[in-house]
Amino acid sequence: NIGLKKSSSDLAHYDTGMSRMFQEVMERNTNIFYARWTP
């Protein structure tokens, strides 16, 4: 909650349809996968 309150990002929530480019970058560089999101 501390991080989210101080966030200056463009998103009010994470939406894979709105930021597929970030998802692609994550999958290409990491062993981390997207788990959930709450609209």
PDB file of all heavy atoms in Angstrom:
ATOM      1  N   ASN A   1       0.820  -1.209   0.000  1.00  0.00           N
ATOM      2  CA  ASN A   1       0.000   0.000   0.000  1.00  0.00           C
ATOM      3  C   ASN A   1       0.859   1.266   0.000  1.00  0.00           C
ATOM      4  O   ASN A   1       0.507   2.266  -0.636  1.00  0.00           O
ATOM      5  CB  ASN A   1      -0.939   0.014   1.208  1.00  0.00           C
ATOM      6  CG  ASN A   1      -2.085  -0.967   1.065  1.00  0.00           C
ATOM      7  OD1 ASN A   1      -2.436  -1.346  -0.051  1.00  0.00           O
ATOM      8  ND2 ASN A   1      -2.662  -1.379   2.180  1.00  0.00           N
ATOM      9  N   ILE A   2       1.990   1.218   0.701  1.00  0.00           N
ATOM     10  CA  ILE A   2       2.894   2.374   0.692  1.00  0.00           C
ATOM     11  C   ILE A   2       3.380   2.643  -0.734  1.00  0.00           C
ATOM     12  O   ILE A   2       3.351   3.777  -1.224  1.00  0.00           O
ATOM     13  CB  ILE A   2       4.098   2.130   1.629  1.00  0.00           C
ATOM     14  CG1 ILE A   2       3.635   2.153   3.087  1.00  0.00           C
ATOM     15  CG2 ILE A   2       5.181   3.184   1.402  1.00  0.00           C
ATOM     16  CD1 ILE A   2       4.730   1.785   4.075  1.00  0.00           C
ATOM     17  N   GLY A   3       3.821   1.575  -1.394  1.00  0.00           N
ATOM     18  CA  GLY A   3       4.301   1.736  -2.759  1.00  0.00           C
ATOM     19  C   GLY A   3       3.213   2.185  -3.713  1.00  0.00           C
ATOM     20  O   GLY A   3       3.436   3.045  -4.570  1.00  0.00           O
ATOM     21  N   LEU A   4       2.024   1.630  -3.558  1.00  0.00           N
ATOM     22  CA  LEU A   4       0.927   1.980  -4.449  1.00  0.00           C
ATOM     23  C   LEU A   4       0.478   3.426  -4.262  1.00  0.00           C
ATOM     24  O   LEU A   4       0.161   4.122  -5.218  1.00  0.00           O
ATOM     25  CB  LEU A   4      -0.247   1.020  -4.211  1.00  0.00           C
ATOM     26  CG  LEU A   4       0.018  -0.443  -4.566  1.00  0.00           C
ATOM     27  CD1 LEU A   4      -1.133  -1.318  -4.113  1.00  0.00           C
ATOM     28  CD2 LEU A   4       0.263  -0.606  -6.050  1.00  0.00           C
ATOM     29  N   LYS A   5       0.456   3.889  -3.015  1.00  0.00           N
ATOM     30  CA  LYS A   5       0.058   5.273  -2.758  1.00  0.00           C
ATOM     31  C   LYS A   5       1.061   6.267  -3.334  1.00  0.00           C
ATOM     32  O   LYS A   5       0.693   7.367  -3.753  1.00  0.00           O
ATOM     33  CB  LYS A   5      -0.094   5.494  -1.254  1.00  0.00           C
ATOM     34  CG  LYS A   5      -1.318   4.836  -0.649  1.00  0.00           C
ATOM     35  CD  LYS A   5      -1.389   5.048   0.857  1.00  0.00           C
ATOM     36  CE  LYS A   5      -2.608   4.377   1.458  1.00  0.00           C
ATOM     37  NZ  LYS A   5      -2.660   4.532   2.935  1.00  0.00           N
ATOM     38  N   LYS A   6       2.334   5.886  -3.337  1.00  0.00           N
ATOM     39  CA  LYS A   6       3.369   6.791  -3.840  1.00  0.00           C
ATOM     40  C   LYS A   6       3.638   6.604  -5.330  1.00  0.00           C
ATOM     41  O   LYS A   6       4.474   7.304  -5.899  1.00  0.00           O
ATOM     42  CB  LYS A   6       4.659   6.600  -3.046  1.00  0.00           C
ATOM     43  CG  LYS A   6       4.528   7.001  -1.582  1.00  0.00           C
ATOM     44  CD  LYS A   6       5.851   6.906  -0.848  1.00  0.00           C
ATOM     45  CE  LYS A   6       5.704   7.384   0.586  1.00  0.00           C
ATOM     46  NZ  LYS A   6       6.986   7.338   1.335  1.00  0.00           N
ATOM     47  N   SER A   7       2.929   5.683  -5.940  1.00  0.00           N
ATOM     48  CA  SER A   7       3.130   5.406  -7.354  1.00  0.00           C
ATOM     49  C   SER A   7       2.721   6.594  -8.207  1.00  0.00           C
ATOM     50  O   SER A   7       1.738   7.285  -7.931  1.00  0.00           O
ATOM     51  CB  SER A   7       2.310   4.182  -7.753  1.00  0.00           C
ATOM     52  OG  SER A   7       2.215   4.075  -9.157  1.00  0.00           O
ATOM     53  N   SER A   8       3.478   6.832  -9.251  1.00  0.00           N
ATOM     54  CA  SER A   8       3.127   7.885 -10.213  1.00  0.00           C
ATOM     55  C   SER A   8       2.884   7.278 -11.590  1.00  0.00           C
ATOM     56  O   SER A   8       3.050   7.936 -12.612  1.00  0.00           O
ATOM     57  CB  SER A   8       4.250   8.923 -10.303  1.00  0.00           C
ATOM     58  OG  SER A   8       5.459   8.328 -10.753  1.00  0.00           O
ATOM     59  N   SER A   9       2.475   6.013 -11.625  1.00  0.00           N
ATOM     60  CA  SER A   9       2.290   5.323 -12.896  1.00  0.00           C
ATOM     61  C   SER A   9       1.006   5.782 -13.572  1.00  0.00           C
ATOM     62  O   SER A   9       0.169   6.471 -12.989  1.00  0.00           O
ATOM     63  CB  SER A   9       2.240   3.809 -12.678  1.00  0.00           C
ATOM     64  OG  SER A   9       1.041   3.455 -12.016  1.00  0.00           O
ATOM     65  N   ASP A  10       0.845   5.357 -14.843  1.00  0.00           N
ATOM     66  CA  ASP A  10      -0.321   5.734 -15.630  1.00  0.00           C
ATOM     67  C   ASP A  10      -1.531   4.861 -15.320  1.00  0.00           C
ATOM     68  O   ASP A  10      -2.635   5.178 -15.736  1.00  0.00           O
ATOM     69  CB  ASP A  10      -0.006   5.598 -17.128  1.00  0.00           C
ATOM     70  CG  ASP A  10       1.079   6.562 -17.568  1.00  0.00           C
ATOM     71  OD1 ASP A  10       1.022   7.722 -17.142  1.00  0.00           O
ATOM     72  OD2 ASP A  10       1.977   6.155 -18.308  1.00  0.00           O
ATOM     73  N   LEU A  11      -1.324   3.742 -14.650  1.00  0.00           N
ATOM     74  CA  LEU A  11      -2.406   2.784 -14.466  1.00  0.00           C
ATOM     75  C   LEU A  11      -3.041   2.890 -13.094  1.00  0.00           C
ATOM     76  O   LEU A  11      -2.356   3.053 -12.097  1.00  0.00           O
ATOM     77  CB  LEU A  11      -1.886   1.359 -14.646  1.00  0.00           C
ATOM     78  CG  LEU A  11      -1.353   0.997 -16.035  1.00  0.00           C
ATOM     79  CD1 LEU A  11      -0.805  -0.411 -16.008  1.00  0.00           C
ATOM     80  CD2 LEU A  11      -2.433   1.131 -17.066  1.00  0.00           C
ATOM     81  N   ALA A  12      -4.371   2.789 -13.045  1.00  0.00           N
ATOM     82  CA  ALA A  12      -5.056   2.669 -11.769  1.00  0.00           C
ATOM     83  C   ALA A  12      -5.070   1.216 -11.316  1.00  0.00           C
ATOM     84  O   ALA A  12      -5.310   0.926 -10.167  1.00  0.00           O
ATOM     85  CB  ALA A  12      -6.484   3.175 -11.884  1.00  0.00           C
ATOM     86  N   HIS A  13      -4.829   0.314 -12.253  1.00  0.00           N
ATOM     87  CA  HIS A  13      -4.640  -1.101 -11.931  1.00  0.00           C
ATOM     88  C   HIS A  13      -3.848  -1.715 -13.075  1.00  0.00           C
ATOM     89  O   HIS A  13      -3.743  -1.135 -14.147  1.00  0.00           O
ATOM     90  CB  HIS A  13      -5.980  -1.822 -11.758  1.00  0.00           C
ATOM     91  CG  HIS A  13      -6.861  -1.744 -12.962  1.00  0.00           C
ATOM     92  ND1 HIS A  13      -7.746  -0.712 -13.157  1.00  0.00           N
ATOM     93  CD2 HIS A  13      -6.965  -2.550 -14.048  1.00  0.00           C
ATOM     94  CE1 HIS A  13      -8.377  -0.889 -14.301  1.00  0.00           C
ATOM     95  NE2 HIS A  13      -7.925  -1.988 -14.872  1.00  0.00           N
ATOM     96  N   TYR A  14      -3.317  -2.885 -12.852  1.00  0.00           N
ATOM     97  CA  TYR A  14      -2.553  -3.534 -13.922  1.00  0.00           C
ATOM     98  C   TYR A  14      -3.514  -4.306 -14.807  1.00  0.00           C
ATOM     99  O   TYR A  14      -4.300  -5.122 -14.336  1.00  0.00           O
ATOM    100  CB  TYR A  14      -1.487  -4.475 -13.361  1.00  0.00           C
ATOM    101  CG  TYR A  14      -0.638  -5.029 -14.481  1.00  0.00           C
ATOM    102  CD1 TYR A  14       0.415  -4.283 -14.979  1.00  0.00           C
ATOM    103  CD2 TYR A  14      -0.947  -6.238 -15.084  1.00  0.00           C
ATOM    104  CE1 TYR A  14       1.163  -4.739 -16.042  1.00  0.00           C
ATOM    105  CE2 TYR A  14      -0.211  -6.706 -16.140  1.00  0.00           C
ATOM    106  CZ  TYR A  14       0.848  -5.955 -16.616  1.00  0.00           C
ATOM    107  OH  TYR A  14       1.565  -6.409 -17.674  1.00  0.00           O
ATOM    108  N   ASP A  15      -3.449  -4.053 -16.087  1.00  0.00           N
ATOM    109  CA  ASP A  15      -4.340  -4.697 -17.048  1.00  0.00           C
ATOM    110  C   ASP A  15      -3.465  -5.240 -18.172  1.00  0.00           C
ATOM    111  O   ASP A  15      -2.831  -4.472 -18.892  1.00  0.00           O
ATOM    112  CB  ASP A  15      -5.338  -3.673 -17.576  1.00  0.00           C
ATOM    113  CG  ASP A  15      -6.345  -4.278 -18.541  1.00  0.00           C
ATOM    114  OD1 ASP A  15      -6.076  -5.366 -19.071  1.00  0.00           O
ATOM    115  OD2 ASP A  15      -7.391  -3.652 -18.757  1.00  0.00           O
ATOM    116  N   THR A  16      -3.417  -6.551 -18.344  1.00  0.00           N
ATOM    117  CA  THR A  16      -2.540  -7.126 -19.358  1.00  0.00           C
ATOM    118  C   THR A  16      -2.924  -6.665 -20.752  1.00  0.00           C
ATOM    119  O   THR A  16      -2.097  -6.618 -21.650  1.00  0.00           O
ATOM    120  CB  THR A  16      -2.580  -8.661 -19.303  1.00  0.00           C
ATOM    121  OG1 THR A  16      -3.946  -9.090 -19.376  1.00  0.00           O
ATOM    122  CG2 THR A  16      -1.963  -9.169 -18.030  1.00  0.00           C
ATOM    123  N   GLY A  17      -4.185  -6.309 -20.961  1.00  0.00           N
ATOM    124  CA  GLY A  17      -4.588  -5.814 -22.262  1.00  0.00           C
ATOM    125  C   GLY A  17      -4.073  -4.420 -22.537  1.00  0.00           C
ATOM    126  O   GLY A  17      -3.952  -4.004 -23.688  1.00  0.00           O
ATOM    127  N   MET A  18      -3.778  -3.656 -21.493  1.00  0.00           N
ATOM    128  CA  MET A  18      -3.323  -2.281 -21.664  1.00  0.00           C
ATOM    129  C   MET A  18      -1.818  -2.165 -21.684  1.00  0.00           C
ATOM    130  O   MET A  18      -1.271  -1.171 -22.135  1.00  0.00           O
ATOM    131  CB  MET A  18      -3.871  -1.404 -20.530  1.00  0.00           C
ATOM    132  CG  MET A  18      -5.377  -1.220 -20.552  1.00  0.00           C
ATOM    133  SD  MET A  18      -5.955  -0.247 -19.153  1.00  0.00           S
ATOM    134  CE  MET A  18      -5.213   1.344 -19.498  1.00  0.00           C
ATOM    135  N   SER A  19      -1.111  -3.174 -21.196  1.00  0.00           N
ATOM    136  CA  SER A  19       0.342  -3.072 -21.153  1.00  0.00           C
ATOM    137  C   SER A  19       0.995  -4.391 -21.545  1.00  0.00           C
ATOM    138  O   SER A  19       1.801  -4.938 -20.831  1.00  0.00           O
ATOM    139  CB  SER A  19       0.806  -2.642 -19.764  1.00  0.00           C
ATOM    140  OG  SER A  19       2.173  -2.327 -19.784  1.00  0.00           O
ATOM    141  N   ARG A  20       0.615  -4.885 -22.699  1.00  0.00           N
ATOM    142  CA  ARG A  20       1.180  -6.149 -23.152  1.00  0.00           C
ATOM    143  C   ARG A  20       2.667  -6.018 -23.451  1.00  0.00           C
ATOM    144  O   ARG A  20       3.407  -6.982 -23.376  1.00  0.00           O
ATOM    145  CB  ARG A  20       0.422  -6.641 -24.385  1.00  0.00           C
ATOM    146  CG  ARG A  20      -0.986  -7.150 -24.056  1.00  0.00           C
ATOM    147  CD  ARG A  20      -1.712  -7.566 -25.298  1.00  0.00           C
ATOM    148  NE  ARG A  20      -1.997  -6.420 -26.145  1.00  0.00           N
ATOM    149  CZ  ARG A  20      -2.510  -6.524 -27.364  1.00  0.00           C
ATOM    150  NH1 ARG A  20      -2.753  -7.702 -27.874  1.00  0.00           N
ATOM    151  NH2 ARG A  20      -2.768  -5.455 -28.074  1.00  0.00           N
ATOM    152  N   MET A  21       3.098  -4.795 -23.804  1.00  0.00           N
ATOM    153  CA  MET A  21       4.514  -4.602 -24.076  1.00  0.00           C
ATOM    154  C   MET A  21       5.331  -4.886 -22.826  1.00  0.00           C
ATOM    155  O   MET A  21       6.377  -5.531 -22.886  1.00  0.00           O
ATOM    156  CB  MET A  21       4.771  -3.176 -24.567  1.00  0.00           C
ATOM    157  CG  MET A  21       6.231  -2.885 -24.869  1.00  0.00           C
ATOM    158  SD  MET A  21       6.908  -3.928 -26.173  1.00  0.00           S
ATOM    159  CE  MET A  21       6.104  -3.203 -27.604  1.00  0.00           C
ATOM    160  N   PHE A  22       4.867  -4.418 -21.653  1.00  0.00           N
ATOM    161  CA  PHE A  22       5.585  -4.679 -20.409  1.00  0.00           C
ATOM    162  C   PHE A  22       5.609  -6.170 -20.113  1.00  0.00           C
ATOM    163  O   PHE A  22       6.617  -6.721 -19.686  1.00  0.00           O
ATOM    164  CB  PHE A  22       4.943  -3.918 -19.255  1.00  0.00           C
ATOM    165  CG  PHE A  22       5.646  -4.113 -17.937  1.00  0.00           C
ATOM    166  CD1 PHE A  22       6.897  -3.553 -17.717  1.00  0.00           C
ATOM    167  CD2 PHE A  22       5.079  -4.854 -16.927  1.00  0.00           C
ATOM    168  CE1 PHE A  22       7.570  -3.741 -16.519  1.00  0.00           C
ATOM    169  CE2 PHE A  22       5.739  -5.042 -15.722  1.00  0.00           C
ATOM    170  CZ  PHE A  22       6.977  -4.480 -15.513  1.00  0.00           C
ATOM    171  N   GLN A  23       4.486  -6.834 -20.333  1.00  0.00           N
ATOM    172  CA  GLN A  23       4.435  -8.279 -20.107  1.00  0.00           C
ATOM    173  C   GLN A  23       5.453  -8.991 -20.988  1.00  0.00           C
ATOM    174  O   GLN A  23       6.169  -9.899 -20.553  1.00  0.00           O
ATOM    175  CB  GLN A  23       3.033  -8.794 -20.415  1.00  0.00           C
ATOM    176  CG  GLN A  23       2.914 -10.310 -20.353  1.00  0.00           C
ATOM    177  CD  GLN A  23       1.840 -10.771 -19.395  1.00  0.00           C
ATOM    178  OE1 GLN A  23       1.160  -9.986 -18.764  1.00  0.00           O
ATOM    179  NE2 GLN A  23       1.691 -12.063 -19.275  1.00  0.00           N
ATOM    180  N   GLU A  24       5.541  -8.583 -22.252  1.00  0.00           N
ATOM    181  CA  GLU A  24       6.487  -9.205 -23.173  1.00  0.00           C
ATOM    182  C   GLU A  24       7.924  -8.990 -22.708  1.00  0.00           C
ATOM    183  O   GLU A  24       8.746  -9.906 -22.749  1.00  0.00           O
ATOM    184  CB  GLU A  24       6.306  -8.614 -24.574  1.00  0.00           C
ATOM    185  CG  GLU A  24       7.271  -9.179 -25.600  1.00  0.00           C
ATOM    186  CD  GLU A  24       7.117  -8.498 -26.948  1.00  0.00           C
ATOM    187  OE1 GLU A  24       5.971  -8.136 -27.292  1.00  0.00           O
ATOM    188  OE2 GLU A  24       8.129  -8.326 -27.645  1.00  0.00           O
ATOM    189  N   VAL A  25       8.229  -7.783 -22.245  1.00  0.00           N
ATOM    190  CA  VAL A  25       9.577  -7.480 -21.768  1.00  0.00           C
ATOM    191  C   VAL A  25       9.901  -8.329 -20.535  1.00  0.00           C
ATOM    192  O   VAL A  25      11.000  -8.848 -20.397  1.00  0.00           O
ATOM    193  CB  VAL A  25       9.716  -5.983 -21.449  1.00  0.00           C
ATOM    194  CG1 VAL A  25      11.014  -5.696 -20.697  1.00  0.00           C
ATOM    195  CG2 VAL A  25       9.674  -5.169 -22.734  1.00  0.00           C
ATOM    196  N   MET A  26       8.943  -8.462 -19.631  1.00  0.00           N
ATOM    197  CA  MET A  26       9.162  -9.263 -18.429  1.00  0.00           C
ATOM    198  C   MET A  26       9.437 -10.718 -18.791  1.00  0.00           C
ATOM    199  O   MET A  26      10.358 -11.340 -18.269  1.00  0.00           O
ATOM    200  CB  MET A  26       7.937  -9.174 -17.515  1.00  0.00           C
ATOM    201  CG  MET A  26       7.750  -7.825 -16.847  1.00  0.00           C
ATOM    202  SD  MET A  26       9.027  -7.487 -15.611  1.00  0.00           S
ATOM    203  CE  MET A  26       8.579  -8.674 -14.355  1.00  0.00           C
ATOM    204  N   GLU A  27       8.637 -11.266 -19.698  1.00  0.00           N
ATOM    205  CA  GLU A  27       8.796 -12.671 -20.062  1.00  0.00           C
ATOM    206  C   GLU A  27      10.128 -12.919 -20.764  1.00  0.00           C
ATOM    207  O   GLU A  27      10.709 -13.995 -20.633  1.00  0.00           O
ATOM    208  CB  GLU A  27       7.632 -13.092 -20.957  1.00  0.00           C
ATOM    209  CG  GLU A  27       6.296 -13.155 -20.211  1.00  0.00           C
ATOM    210  CD  GLU A  27       5.131 -13.434 -21.135  1.00  0.00           C
ATOM    211  OE1 GLU A  27       5.337 -13.405 -22.379  1.00  0.00           O
ATOM    212  OE2 GLU A  27       4.023 -13.663 -20.638  1.00  0.00           O
ATOM    213  N   ARG A  28      10.603 -11.920 -21.510  1.00  0.00           N
ATOM    214  CA  ARG A  28      11.845 -12.088 -22.246  1.00  0.00           C
ATOM    215  C   ARG A  28      13.064 -12.015 -21.335  1.00  0.00           C
ATOM    216  O   ARG A  28      14.088 -12.632 -21.609  1.00  0.00           O
ATOM    217  CB  ARG A  28      11.928 -11.014 -23.334  1.00  0.00           C
ATOM    218  CG  ARG A  28      13.171 -11.108 -24.200  1.00  0.00           C
ATOM    219  CD  ARG A  28      13.046 -10.326 -25.487  1.00  0.00           C
ATOM    220  NE  ARG A  28      12.685  -8.934 -25.279  1.00  0.00           N
ATOM    221  CZ  ARG A  28      11.528  -8.395 -25.614  1.00  0.00           C
ATOM    222  NH1 ARG A  28      10.584  -9.142 -26.159  1.00  0.00           N
ATOM    223  NH2 ARG A  28      11.271  -7.117 -25.416  1.00  0.00           N
ATOM    224  N   ASN A  29      12.973 -11.268 -20.246  1.00  0.00           N
ATOM    225  CA  ASN A  29      14.139 -11.011 -19.403  1.00  0.00           C
ATOM    226  C   ASN A  29      14.134 -11.731 -18.062  1.00  0.00           C
ATOM    227  O   ASN A  29      15.167 -11.803 -17.402  1.00  0.00           O
ATOM    228  CB  ASN A  29      14.261  -9.507 -19.126  1.00  0.00           C
ATOM    229  CG  ASN A  29      14.687  -8.724 -20.340  1.00  0.00           C
ATOM    230  OD1 ASN A  29      15.850  -8.690 -20.694  1.00  0.00           O
ATOM    231  ND2 ASN A  29      13.723  -8.102 -21.006  1.00  0.00           N
ATOM    232  N   THR A  30      13.002 -12.244 -17.652  1.00  0.00           N
ATOM    233  CA  THR A  30      12.912 -12.778 -16.294  1.00  0.00           C
ATOM    234  C   THR A  30      12.259 -14.146 -16.259  1.00  0.00           C
ATOM    235  O   THR A  30      11.678 -14.613 -17.236  1.00  0.00           O
ATOM    236  CB  THR A  30      12.088 -11.839 -15.381  1.00  0.00           C
ATOM    237  OG1 THR A  30      10.688 -12.000 -15.679  1.00  0.00           O
ATOM    238  CG2 THR A  30      12.476 -10.391 -15.568  1.00  0.00           C
ATOM    239  N   ASN A  31      12.324 -14.744 -15.100  1.00  0.00           N
ATOM    240  CA  ASN A  31      11.596 -15.981 -14.812  1.00  0.00           C
ATOM    241  C   ASN A  31      10.432 -15.644 -13.881  1.00  0.00           C
ATOM    242  O   ASN A  31      10.134 -16.339 -12.934  1.00  0.00           O
ATOM    243  CB  ASN A  31      12.529 -17.004 -14.163  1.00  0.00           C
ATOM    244  CG  ASN A  31      11.916 -18.396 -14.162  1.00  0.00           C
ATOM    245  OD1 ASN A  31      11.057 -18.702 -14.984  1.00  0.00           O
ATOM    246  ND2 ASN A  31      12.341 -19.227 -13.236  1.00  0.00           N
ATOM    247  N   ILE A  32       9.811 -14.530 -14.183  1.00  0.00           N
ATOM    248  CA  ILE A  32       8.693 -14.028 -13.378  1.00  0.00           C
ATOM    249  C   ILE A  32       7.451 -14.036 -14.254  1.00  0.00           C
ATOM    250  O   ILE A  32       7.505 -13.658 -15.410  1.00  0.00           O
ATOM    251  CB  ILE A  32       8.971 -12.586 -12.893  1.00  0.00           C
ATOM    252  CG1 ILE A  32      10.253 -12.543 -12.054  1.00  0.00           C
ATOM    253  CG2 ILE A  32       7.801 -12.031 -12.104  1.00  0.00           C
ATOM    254  CD1 ILE A  32      10.732 -11.146 -11.742  1.00  0.00           C
ATOM    255  N   PHE A  33       6.341 -14.515 -13.728  1.00  0.00           N
ATOM    256  CA  PHE A  33       5.140 -14.489 -14.543  1.00  0.00           C
ATOM    257  C   PHE A  33       4.021 -13.761 -13.807  1.00  0.00           C
ATOM    258  O   PHE A  33       3.978 -13.702 -12.584  1.00  0.00           O
ATOM    259  CB  PHE A  33       4.695 -15.905 -14.924  1.00  0.00           C
ATOM    260  CG  PHE A  33       3.969 -16.649 -13.818  1.00  0.00           C
ATOM    261  CD1 PHE A  33       2.591 -16.645 -13.766  1.00  0.00           C
ATOM    262  CD2 PHE A  33       4.674 -17.360 -12.857  1.00  0.00           C
ATOM    263  CE1 PHE A  33       1.923 -17.328 -12.766  1.00  0.00           C
ATOM    264  CE2 PHE A  33       4.016 -18.051 -11.857  1.00  0.00           C
ATOM    265  CZ  PHE A  33       2.632 -18.036 -11.801  1.00  0.00           C
ATOM    266  N   TYR A  34       3.099 -13.199 -14.600  1.00  0.00           N
ATOM    267  CA  TYR A  34       1.979 -12.432 -14.068  1.00  0.00           C
ATOM    268  C   TYR A  34       1.002 -13.362 -13.373  1.00  0.00           C
ATOM    269  O   TYR A  34       0.611 -14.381 -13.919  1.00  0.00           O
ATOM    270  CB  TYR A  34       1.307 -11.693 -15.221  1.00  0.00           C
ATOM    271  CG  TYR A  34       0.038 -10.998 -14.860  1.00  0.00           C
ATOM    272  CD1 TYR A  34       0.057  -9.863 -14.055  1.00  0.00           C
ATOM    273  CD2 TYR A  34      -1.180 -11.478 -15.314  1.00  0.00           C
ATOM    274  CE1 TYR A  34      -1.108  -9.225 -13.722  1.00  0.00           C
ATOM    275  CE2 TYR A  34      -2.350 -10.837 -14.989  1.00  0.00           C
ATOM    276  CZ  TYR A  34      -2.318  -9.716 -14.201  1.00  0.00           C
ATOM    277  OH  TYR A  34      -3.479  -9.083 -13.867  1.00  0.00           O
ATOM    278  N   ALA A  35       0.620 -13.021 -12.154  1.00  0.00           N
ATOM    279  CA  ALA A  35      -0.202 -13.924 -11.358  1.00  0.00           C
ATOM    280  C   ALA A  35      -1.661 -13.493 -11.263  1.00  0.00           C
ATOM    281  O   ALA A  35      -2.556 -14.294 -11.415  1.00  0.00           O
ATOM    282  CB  ALA A  35       0.375 -14.046  -9.953  1.00  0.00           C
ATOM    283  N   ARG A  36      -1.924 -12.225 -11.014  1.00  0.00           N
ATOM    284  CA  ARG A  36      -3.316 -11.817 -10.805  1.00  0.00           C
ATOM    285  C   ARG A  36      -3.426 -10.311 -10.982  1.00  0.00           C
ATOM    286  O   ARG A  36      -2.449  -9.597 -10.939  1.00  0.00           O
ATOM    287  CB  ARG A  36      -3.786 -12.188  -9.387  1.00  0.00           C
ATOM    288  CG  ARG A  36      -3.024 -11.418  -8.314  1.00  0.00           C
ATOM    289  CD  ARG A  36      -3.522 -11.742  -6.916  1.00  0.00           C
ATOM    290  NE  ARG A  36      -2.663 -11.183  -5.897  1.00  0.00           N
ATOM    291  CZ  ARG A  36      -2.714  -9.930  -5.462  1.00  0.00           C
ATOM    292  NH1 ARG A  36      -3.594  -9.105  -5.963  1.00  0.00           N
ATOM    293  NH2 ARG A  36      -1.895  -9.507  -4.528  1.00  0.00           N
ATOM    294  N   TRP A  37      -4.639  -9.847 -11.171  1.00  0.00           N
ATOM    295  CA  TRP A  37      -4.868  -8.411 -11.076  1.00  0.00           C
ATOM    296  C   TRP A  37      -6.298  -8.163 -10.652  1.00  0.00           C
ATOM    297  O   TRP A  37      -7.198  -8.936 -10.964  1.00  0.00           O
ATOM    298  CB  TRP A  37      -4.534  -7.676 -12.374  1.00  0.00           C
ATOM    299  CG  TRP A  37      -5.440  -7.933 -13.540  1.00  0.00           C
ATOM    300  CD1 TRP A  37      -5.351  -8.957 -14.432  1.00  0.00           C
ATOM    301  CD2 TRP A  37      -6.552  -7.140 -13.956  1.00  0.00           C
ATOM    302  NE1 TRP A  37      -6.313  -8.859 -15.373  1.00  0.00           N
ATOM    303  CE2 TRP A  37      -7.081  -7.759 -15.121  1.00  0.00           C
ATOM    304  CE3 TRP A  37      -7.146  -5.980 -13.480  1.00  0.00           C
ATOM    305  CZ2 TRP A  37      -8.181  -7.254 -15.798  1.00  0.00           C
ATOM    306  CZ3 TRP A  37      -8.241  -5.472 -14.155  1.00  0.00           C
ATOM    307  CH2 TRP A  37      -8.743  -6.111 -15.299  1.00  0.00           C
ATOM    308  N   THR A  38      -6.523  -7.129  -9.917  1.00  0.00           N
ATOM    309  CA  THR A  38      -7.832  -6.808  -9.385  1.00  0.00           C
ATOM    310  C   THR A  38      -8.303  -5.482  -9.952  1.00  0.00           C
ATOM    311  O   THR A  38      -7.715  -4.441  -9.646  1.00  0.00           O
ATOM    312  CB  THR A  38      -7.796  -6.703  -7.843  1.00  0.00           C
ATOM    313  OG1 THR A  38      -7.293  -7.928  -7.323  1.00  0.00           O
ATOM    314  CG2 THR A  38      -9.180  -6.435  -7.284  1.00  0.00           C
ATOM    315  N   PRO A  39      -9.324  -5.470 -10.806  1.00  0.00           N
ATOM    316  CA  PRO A  39      -9.800  -4.197 -11.363  1.00  0.00           C
ATOM    317  C   PRO A  39     -10.522  -3.378 -10.298  1.00  0.00           C
ATOM    318  O   PRO A  39     -11.541  -3.786  -9.764  1.00  0.00           O
ATOM    319  CB  PRO A  39     -10.763  -4.640 -12.462  1.00  0.00           C
ATOM    320  CG  PRO A  39     -11.217  -5.995 -12.054  1.00  0.00           C
ATOM    321  CD  PRO A  39     -10.075  -6.618 -11.298  1.00  0.00           C
TER     322      PRO A  39
END
